[in-house]
Amino acid sequence: MRYHCNGKIRKYILEMSNIVSKLNTLKTELPAELLILFVLNSLPPQFNQLKSNYNTHKEKWSLNELIGYCVQEEERMKQERTESAHMVYTSKRQGKIKKFEPVKDDAAKGPTQKKHAKVEDTCFFFRKGGHIKKECPKYHVWRAKKICSLL
C-alpha cells in the first residue's frame, strides 16, 4: 500500500493504522514503531525531507506526531505547487487545403528592387566607379597573388 498524493495524508495514515489494529486482533503483534516505519517507507519522494528529518532525530515519534508532521509537509507542498493549464486548439479546417487567389494589385506585391546603372556602382576594393568588386581586375590580380602565397 502506497500513498500517491491523491487524497489527504491523514486519512491514509489512519487507514494504515486501522490495518495494523486488525492484524493485532488476529494475534499478530506489530509495534507502533514498525507502523511508523511502514508509513514513512510508503511515502513518495516528495516527502524525502520528512524522512531524513525523522532519521536524524534521536527520539522516535508517536503516531499522532507523525500525522501532524505529514499534514504540515502536505500543506507546504500544496503552497509550493504552481497551477498550470494546457491549452488545446483544434481547427475546423483540419485536412482542407487553402486555395489562394492571385493578387492583381502591383502595390500589394511589395517593394521592387531598383536596378542601378553600372556607372553608379563603385568598387569596394579599387574605390572607383564603373565596376563592382567581383569584376575588378586589380582585385583578381591581388587574389591570385594571395592564393599563390598560401600554397
C-alpha atoms as a PDB file:
ATOM      1  CA  MET A   1       0.000   0.000   0.000  1.00  0.00           C
ATOM      2  CA  ARG A   2       1.499   3.307  -1.112  1.00  0.00           C
ATOM      3  CA  TYR A   3       0.471   6.925  -0.815  1.00  0.00           C
ATOM      4  CA  HIS A   4       0.184   8.507  -4.281  1.00  0.00           C
ATOM      5  CA  CYS A   5      -0.527  12.132  -3.231  1.00  0.00           C
ATOM      6  CA  ASN A   6      -4.194  11.861  -4.102  1.00  0.00           C
ATOM      7  CA  GLY A   7      -6.382  12.487  -1.082  1.00  0.00           C
ATOM      8  CA  LYS A   8      -5.436  13.535   2.423  1.00  0.00           C
ATOM      9  CA  ILE A   9      -2.371  12.034   4.064  1.00  0.00           C
ATOM     10  CA  ARG A  10      -4.115  11.960   7.457  1.00  0.00           C
ATOM     11  CA  LYS A  11      -6.743   9.591   6.055  1.00  0.00           C
ATOM     12  CA  TYR A  12      -4.041   7.395   4.524  1.00  0.00           C
ATOM     13  CA  ILE A  13      -2.096   7.089   7.798  1.00  0.00           C
ATOM     14  CA  LEU A  14      -5.283   6.291   9.722  1.00  0.00           C
ATOM     15  CA  GLU A  15      -6.105   3.550   7.172  1.00  0.00           C
ATOM     16  CA  MET A  16      -2.639   2.061   7.715  1.00  0.00           C
ATOM     17  CA  SER A  17      -3.207   2.240  11.484  1.00  0.00           C
ATOM     18  CA  ASN A  18      -6.556   0.504  11.049  1.00  0.00           C
ATOM     19  CA  ILE A  19      -4.893  -2.341   9.113  1.00  0.00           C
ATOM     20  CA  VAL A  20      -2.300  -2.777  11.885  1.00  0.00           C
ATOM     21  CA  SER A  21      -5.035  -2.845  14.537  1.00  0.00           C
ATOM     22  CA  LYS A  22      -6.859  -5.550  12.537  1.00  0.00           C
ATOM     23  CA  LEU A  23      -3.625  -7.550  12.435  1.00  0.00           C
ATOM     24  CA  ASN A  24      -3.262  -7.105  16.207  1.00  0.00           C
ATOM     25  CA  THR A  25      -6.744  -8.605  16.718  1.00  0.00           C
ATOM     26  CA  LEU A  26      -5.544 -11.627  14.738  1.00  0.00           C
ATOM     27  CA  LYS A  27      -2.751 -12.083  17.302  1.00  0.00           C
ATOM     28  CA  THR A  28      -0.052 -10.694  15.024  1.00  0.00           C
ATOM     29  CA  GLU A  29       1.552  -8.083  17.218  1.00  0.00           C
ATOM     30  CA  LEU A  30       3.161  -5.173  15.347  1.00  0.00           C
ATOM     31  CA  PRO A  31       4.737  -2.403  17.438  1.00  0.00           C
ATOM     32  CA  ALA A  32       3.857   1.263  16.848  1.00  0.00           C
ATOM     33  CA  GLU A  33       7.429   1.989  15.699  1.00  0.00           C
ATOM     34  CA  LEU A  34       7.018  -0.542  12.897  1.00  0.00           C
ATOM     35  CA  LEU A  35       3.782   1.157  11.802  1.00  0.00           C
ATOM     36  CA  ILE A  36       5.614   4.491  11.645  1.00  0.00           C
ATOM     37  CA  LEU A  37       8.383   2.930   9.538  1.00  0.00           C
ATOM     38  CA  PHE A  38       5.779   1.369   7.209  1.00  0.00           C
ATOM     39  CA  VAL A  39       4.120   4.754   6.755  1.00  0.00           C
ATOM     40  CA  LEU A  40       7.422   6.542   6.099  1.00  0.00           C
ATOM     41  CA  ASN A  41       8.550   3.905   3.593  1.00  0.00           C
ATOM     42  CA  SER A  42       5.279   4.113   1.686  1.00  0.00           C
ATOM     43  CA  LEU A  43       5.503   7.881   1.193  1.00  0.00           C
ATOM     44  CA  PRO A  44       6.512   9.228  -2.250  1.00  0.00           C
ATOM     45  CA  PRO A  45       9.843  11.006  -2.899  1.00  0.00           C
ATOM     46  CA  GLN A  46       8.264  14.421  -2.227  1.00  0.00           C
ATOM     47  CA  PHE A  47       8.400  13.514   1.482  1.00  0.00           C
ATOM     48  CA  ASN A  48      12.145  12.707   1.493  1.00  0.00           C
ATOM     49  CA  GLN A  49      12.867  15.769   3.621  1.00  0.00           C
ATOM     50  CA  LEU A  50      10.449  14.482   6.271  1.00  0.00           C
ATOM     51  CA  LYS A  51      12.014  11.012   6.152  1.00  0.00           C
ATOM     52  CA  SER A  52      15.526  12.353   6.652  1.00  0.00           C
ATOM     53  CA  ASN A  53      14.260  14.576   9.469  1.00  0.00           C
ATOM     54  CA  TYR A  54      12.836  11.504  11.226  1.00  0.00           C
ATOM     55  CA  ASN A  55      16.077   9.566  10.781  1.00  0.00           C
ATOM     56  CA  THR A  56      18.249  12.355  12.207  1.00  0.00           C
ATOM     57  CA  HIS A  57      16.263  12.750  15.442  1.00  0.00           C
ATOM     58  CA  LYS A  58      17.266  10.502  18.313  1.00  0.00           C
ATOM     59  CA  GLU A  59      13.795  10.364  19.816  1.00  0.00           C
ATOM     60  CA  LYS A  60      11.130   8.412  17.974  1.00  0.00           C
ATOM     61  CA  TRP A  61       7.819   9.966  17.016  1.00  0.00           C
ATOM     62  CA  SER A  62       4.411   8.758  18.100  1.00  0.00           C
ATOM     63  CA  LEU A  63       1.691   8.132  15.540  1.00  0.00           C
ATOM     64  CA  ASN A  64      -0.009  11.465  16.332  1.00  0.00           C
ATOM     65  CA  GLU A  65       3.269  13.369  15.899  1.00  0.00           C
ATOM     66  CA  LEU A  66       3.865  11.626  12.567  1.00  0.00           C
ATOM     67  CA  ILE A  67       0.381  12.595  11.382  1.00  0.00           C
ATOM     68  CA  GLY A  68       0.999  16.208  12.402  1.00  0.00           C
ATOM     69  CA  TYR A  69       4.349  16.409  10.626  1.00  0.00           C
ATOM     70  CA  CYS A  70       2.954  14.749   7.493  1.00  0.00           C
ATOM     71  CA  VAL A  71      -0.021  17.133   7.360  1.00  0.00           C
ATOM     72  CA  GLN A  72       2.361  20.086   7.721  1.00  0.00           C
ATOM     73  CA  GLU A  73       4.523  18.766   4.892  1.00  0.00           C
ATOM     74  CA  GLU A  74       1.453  18.187   2.718  1.00  0.00           C
ATOM     75  CA  GLU A  75       0.297  21.777   3.279  1.00  0.00           C
ATOM     76  CA  ARG A  76       3.776  23.089   2.459  1.00  0.00           C
ATOM     77  CA  MET A  77       3.813  21.112  -0.795  1.00  0.00           C
ATOM     78  CA  LYS A  78       0.363  22.454  -1.734  1.00  0.00           C
ATOM     79  CA  GLN A  79       1.584  26.023  -1.274  1.00  0.00           C
ATOM     80  CA  GLU A  80       4.700  25.376  -3.383  1.00  0.00           C
ATOM     81  CA  ARG A  81       2.758  23.725  -6.177  1.00  0.00           C
ATOM     82  CA  THR A  82       2.167  26.019  -9.131  1.00  0.00           C
ATOM     83  CA  GLU A  83      -1.003  25.857 -11.102  1.00  0.00           C
ATOM     84  CA  SER A  84      -0.748  25.268 -14.803  1.00  0.00           C
ATOM     85  CA  ALA A  85      -3.193  24.961 -17.630  1.00  0.00           C
ATOM     86  CA  HIS A  86      -2.641  23.424 -21.008  1.00  0.00           C
ATOM     87  CA  MET A  87      -4.366  24.941 -23.983  1.00  0.00           C
ATOM     88  CA  VAL A  88      -5.579  22.687 -26.758  1.00  0.00           C
ATOM     89  CA  TYR A  89      -6.734  24.128 -30.043  1.00  0.00           C
ATOM     90  CA  THR A  90      -8.319  22.273 -32.908  1.00  0.00           C
ATOM     91  CA  SER A  91      -9.092  23.852 -36.220  1.00  0.00           C
ATOM     92  CA  LYS A  92     -12.341  23.343 -38.081  1.00  0.00           C
ATOM     93  CA  ARG A  93     -10.397  23.372 -41.356  1.00  0.00           C
ATOM     94  CA  GLN A  94      -8.303  20.380 -40.453  1.00  0.00           C
ATOM     95  CA  GLY A  95      -7.381  18.452 -43.583  1.00  0.00           C
ATOM     96  CA  LYS A  96      -8.689  21.073 -46.012  1.00  0.00           C
ATOM     97  CA  ILE A  97      -6.352  22.779 -48.445  1.00  0.00           C
ATOM     98  CA  LYS A  98      -6.424  26.551 -48.608  1.00  0.00           C
ATOM     99  CA  LYS A  99      -6.868  27.992 -52.071  1.00  0.00           C
ATOM    100  CA  PHE A 100      -5.180  31.318 -52.557  1.00  0.00           C
ATOM    101  CA  GLU A 101      -6.356  33.747 -55.172  1.00  0.00           C
ATOM    102  CA  PRO A 102      -3.648  35.590 -57.105  1.00  0.00           C
ATOM    103  CA  VAL A 103      -3.117  39.216 -56.165  1.00  0.00           C
ATOM    104  CA  LYS A 104      -3.790  41.571 -59.047  1.00  0.00           C
ATOM    105  CA  ASP A 105      -2.594  44.814 -57.470  1.00  0.00           C
ATOM    106  CA  ASP A 106       1.110  45.587 -58.043  1.00  0.00           C
ATOM    107  CA  ALA A 107       1.320  47.627 -54.841  1.00  0.00           C
ATOM    108  CA  ALA A 108       0.299  44.593 -52.773  1.00  0.00           C
ATOM    109  CA  LYS A 109       3.241  42.586 -54.091  1.00  0.00           C
ATOM    110  CA  GLY A 110       5.680  44.600 -52.011  1.00  0.00           C
ATOM    111  CA  PRO A 111       8.635  46.790 -52.882  1.00  0.00           C
ATOM    112  CA  THR A 112      10.587  46.002 -56.002  1.00  0.00           C
ATOM    113  CA  GLN A 113      14.338  46.293 -56.316  1.00  0.00           C
ATOM    114  CA  LYS A 114      15.647  49.199 -58.278  1.00  0.00           C
ATOM    115  CA  LYS A 115      18.316  48.346 -60.792  1.00  0.00           C
ATOM    116  CA  HIS A 116      21.315  50.598 -60.603  1.00  0.00           C
ATOM    117  CA  ALA A 117      23.332  51.546 -63.624  1.00  0.00           C
ATOM    118  CA  LYS A 118      26.871  50.217 -63.697  1.00  0.00           C
ATOM    119  CA  VAL A 119      28.152  53.777 -63.769  1.00  0.00           C
ATOM    120  CA  GLU A 120      26.817  54.353 -60.245  1.00  0.00           C
ATOM    121  CA  ASP A 121      28.392  51.148 -58.908  1.00  0.00           C
ATOM    122  CA  THR A 122      31.643  51.605 -57.034  1.00  0.00           C
ATOM    123  CA  CYS A 123      34.291  49.008 -56.426  1.00  0.00           C
ATOM    124  CA  PHE A 124      34.947  48.421 -52.712  1.00  0.00           C
ATOM    125  CA  PHE A 125      38.472  47.211 -53.484  1.00  0.00           C
ATOM    126  CA  PHE A 126      39.590  49.847 -56.004  1.00  0.00           C
ATOM    127  CA  ARG A 127      37.278  52.600 -54.617  1.00  0.00           C
ATOM    128  CA  LYS A 128      36.366  53.937 -58.026  1.00  0.00           C
ATOM    129  CA  GLY A 129      33.179  53.802 -60.021  1.00  0.00           C
ATOM    130  CA  GLY A 130      32.318  51.921 -63.160  1.00  0.00           C
ATOM    131  CA  HIS A 131      32.520  48.339 -61.915  1.00  0.00           C
ATOM    132  CA  ILE A 132      31.903  46.225 -58.823  1.00  0.00           C
ATOM    133  CA  LYS A 133      34.395  44.290 -56.707  1.00  0.00           C
ATOM    134  CA  LYS A 134      33.848  40.884 -58.316  1.00  0.00           C
ATOM    135  CA  GLU A 135      34.568  42.405 -61.748  1.00  0.00           C
ATOM    136  CA  CYS A 136      37.605  44.434 -60.592  1.00  0.00           C
ATOM    137  CA  PRO A 137      40.832  43.450 -62.464  1.00  0.00           C
ATOM    138  CA  LYS A 138      43.084  44.655 -59.622  1.00  0.00           C
ATOM    139  CA  TYR A 139      41.104  42.537 -57.142  1.00  0.00           C
ATOM    140  CA  HIS A 140      41.584  39.421 -59.304  1.00  0.00           C
ATOM    141  CA  VAL A 141      45.359  40.047 -59.518  1.00  0.00           C
ATOM    142  CA  TRP A 142      45.599  40.572 -55.749  1.00  0.00           C
ATOM    143  CA  ARG A 143      43.563  37.443 -55.044  1.00  0.00           C
ATOM    144  CA  ALA A 144      45.721  35.314 -57.370  1.00  0.00           C
ATOM    145  CA  LYS A 145      48.866  36.525 -55.563  1.00  0.00           C
ATOM    146  CA  LYS A 146      47.258  35.764 -52.191  1.00  0.00           C
ATOM    147  CA  ILE A 147      46.378  32.195 -53.238  1.00  0.00           C
ATOM    148  CA  CYS A 148      49.888  31.592 -54.624  1.00  0.00           C
ATOM    149  CA  SER A 149      51.471  32.824 -51.396  1.00  0.00           C
ATOM    150  CA  LEU A 150      49.317  30.450 -49.333  1.00  0.00           C
ATOM    151  CA  LEU A 151      50.362  27.446 -51.421  1.00  0.00           C
END
